[in-house]
Amino acid sequence: VQLQASGGGLVQAGGSLRLSCAATRSTHNINAMAWYRQAPGKQRELVAKITTGDKTNYSDSVKGRFTISRANIKNTIYLQMNSLKPEDTAVYYCLAANTYWGKGTQVTVSS
């Protein structure tokens, strides 16, 4: 499975972005898909995860602000990010089946 993330960019604090991650094959049978992020000098961390039945989990730092969703017909997952903060600045990566990583997309939030 190859994954392509997109939708990153530069936004002011309080703004919104929607990230997309498109897979080269159907995501319907992929149990778990997730978004991670890595800020400069920090370890990669889990942001949000979606599993079978569209069960979702979020890190405490984004809970209530970010929403992960999937559109299996488009082989795509999304990350809607609202009320962005400067500390959300990072490269965001998608992960499928706990195995396949996509190339990251840069999100920069200015204060």
Protein backbone atom coordinates (compact mmCIF):
# COMPACT_ATOMS: atom_id res chain seq x y z
CA VAL A 1 0.00 0.00 0.00
CA GLN A 2 1.32 3.41 -0.93
CA LEU A 3 -0.01 6.49 0.82
CA GLN A 4 0.06 10.10 -0.26
CA ALA A 5 -0.64 12.81 2.28
CA SER A 6 -1.64 16.32 1.27
CA GLY A 7 -3.34 19.43 2.57
CA GLY A 8 -0.64 20.91 4.75
CA GLY A 9 0.33 24.53 4.70
CA LEU A 10 0.81 27.73 6.66
CA VAL A 11 -2.09 28.98 8.76
CA GLN A 12 -2.56 31.48 11.57
CA ALA A 13 -3.37 30.35 15.07
CA GLY A 14 -7.08 29.64 15.39
CA GLY A 15 -7.36 28.63 11.78
CA SER A 16 -8.22 25.30 10.17
CA LEU A 17 -6.73 22.82 7.75
CA ARG A 18 -7.88 19.49 6.37
CA LEU A 19 -5.31 16.84 5.62
CA SER A 20 -5.97 13.98 3.23
CA CYS A 21 -4.23 10.66 2.87
CA ALA A 22 -4.98 8.67 -0.27
CA ALA A 23 -4.11 4.99 -0.51
CA THR A 24 -3.33 3.07 -3.67
CA ARG A 25 -5.77 0.33 -2.77
CA SER A 26 -9.05 0.03 -0.94
CA THR A 27 -8.97 1.10 2.68
CA HIS A 28 -12.15 -0.83 3.43
CA ASN A 29 -10.29 -3.86 4.74
CA ILE A 30 -7.54 -1.94 6.48
CA ASN A 31 -8.38 -2.25 10.14
CA ALA A 32 -6.46 0.72 11.43
CA MET A 33 -5.38 3.98 9.89
CA ALA A 34 -3.82 6.82 11.76
CA TRP A 35 -2.23 10.23 11.66
CA TYR A 36 1.07 10.91 13.38
CA ARG A 37 3.14 14.05 13.61
CA GLN A 38 6.73 14.94 14.27
CA ALA A 39 7.88 18.35 15.35
CA PRO A 40 11.53 19.42 15.03
CA GLY A 41 13.65 17.80 17.70
CA LYS A 42 10.80 15.65 18.97
CA GLN A 43 9.71 12.06 18.55
CA ARG A 44 6.92 11.10 16.20
CA GLU A 45 3.66 10.94 18.11
CA LEU A 46 0.19 9.58 17.49
CA VAL A 47 -2.41 12.25 16.74
CA ALA A 48 -5.52 10.26 15.85
CA LYS A 49 -6.50 6.73 14.91
CA ILE A 50 -9.53 5.19 13.24
CA THR A 51 -10.31 1.49 13.31
CA THR A 52 -12.98 -0.94 12.15
CA GLY A 53 -16.45 0.42 12.71
CA ASP A 54 -15.03 3.95 12.62
CA LYS A 55 -13.96 3.84 16.22
CA THR A 56 -11.66 6.79 16.84
CA ASN A 57 -8.96 7.71 19.35
CA TYR A 58 -7.19 11.02 19.82
CA SER A 59 -4.21 12.28 21.72
CA ASP A 60 -5.17 14.51 24.60
CA SER A 61 -3.47 17.47 22.95
CA VAL A 62 -5.85 17.47 19.96
CA LYS A 63 -9.04 16.06 21.47
CA GLY A 64 -11.99 18.31 20.70
CA ARG A 65 -10.11 20.16 17.96
CA PHE A 66 -9.18 17.47 15.41
CA THR A 67 -11.42 14.92 13.72
CA ILE A 68 -10.27 11.84 11.85
CA SER A 69 -12.55 10.26 9.28
CA ARG A 70 -12.38 7.85 6.38
CA ALA A 71 -14.00 7.62 2.97
CA ASN A 72 -13.46 4.05 1.88
CA ILE A 73 -14.99 4.67 -1.53
CA LYS A 74 -12.17 7.13 -2.16
CA ASN A 75 -9.51 5.05 -0.36
CA THR A 76 -8.84 8.14 1.70
CA ILE A 77 -8.66 9.23 5.30
CA TYR A 78 -8.90 12.81 6.50
CA LEU A 79 -7.81 14.87 9.45
CA GLN A 80 -9.88 17.99 10.02
CA MET A 81 -7.87 20.32 12.22
CA ASN A 82 -9.63 23.27 13.85
CA SER A 83 -8.51 25.86 16.38
CA LEU A 84 -4.91 25.27 15.39
CA LYS A 85 -2.16 26.29 17.78
CA PRO A 86 1.53 27.02 17.14
CA GLU A 87 2.37 23.81 19.00
CA ASP A 88 0.55 21.87 16.29
CA THR A 89 3.37 22.78 13.91
CA ALA A 90 4.89 19.54 12.63
CA VAL A 91 5.20 17.19 9.70
CA TYR A 92 2.08 15.04 9.62
CA TYR A 93 2.21 11.43 8.43
CA CYS A 94 -0.45 8.84 7.77
CA LEU A 95 -0.07 5.20 8.68
CA ALA A 96 -2.06 2.22 7.40
CA ALA A 97 -2.36 -1.17 9.07
CA ASN A 98 0.38 -0.21 11.51
CA THR A 99 2.80 -0.90 8.68
CA TYR A 100 2.66 1.49 5.74
CA TRP A 101 3.80 5.08 6.11
CA GLY A 102 3.03 7.90 3.74
CA LYS A 103 5.32 10.82 3.03
CA GLY A 104 4.60 13.65 5.36
CA THR A 105 2.93 16.98 4.81
CA GLN A 106 4.13 20.09 6.62
CA VAL A 107 1.73 22.01 8.84
CA THR A 108 2.94 25.35 10.16
CA VAL A 109 0.83 27.42 12.55
CA SER A 110 1.93 31.00 13.12
CA SER A 111 1.14 32.91 16.30
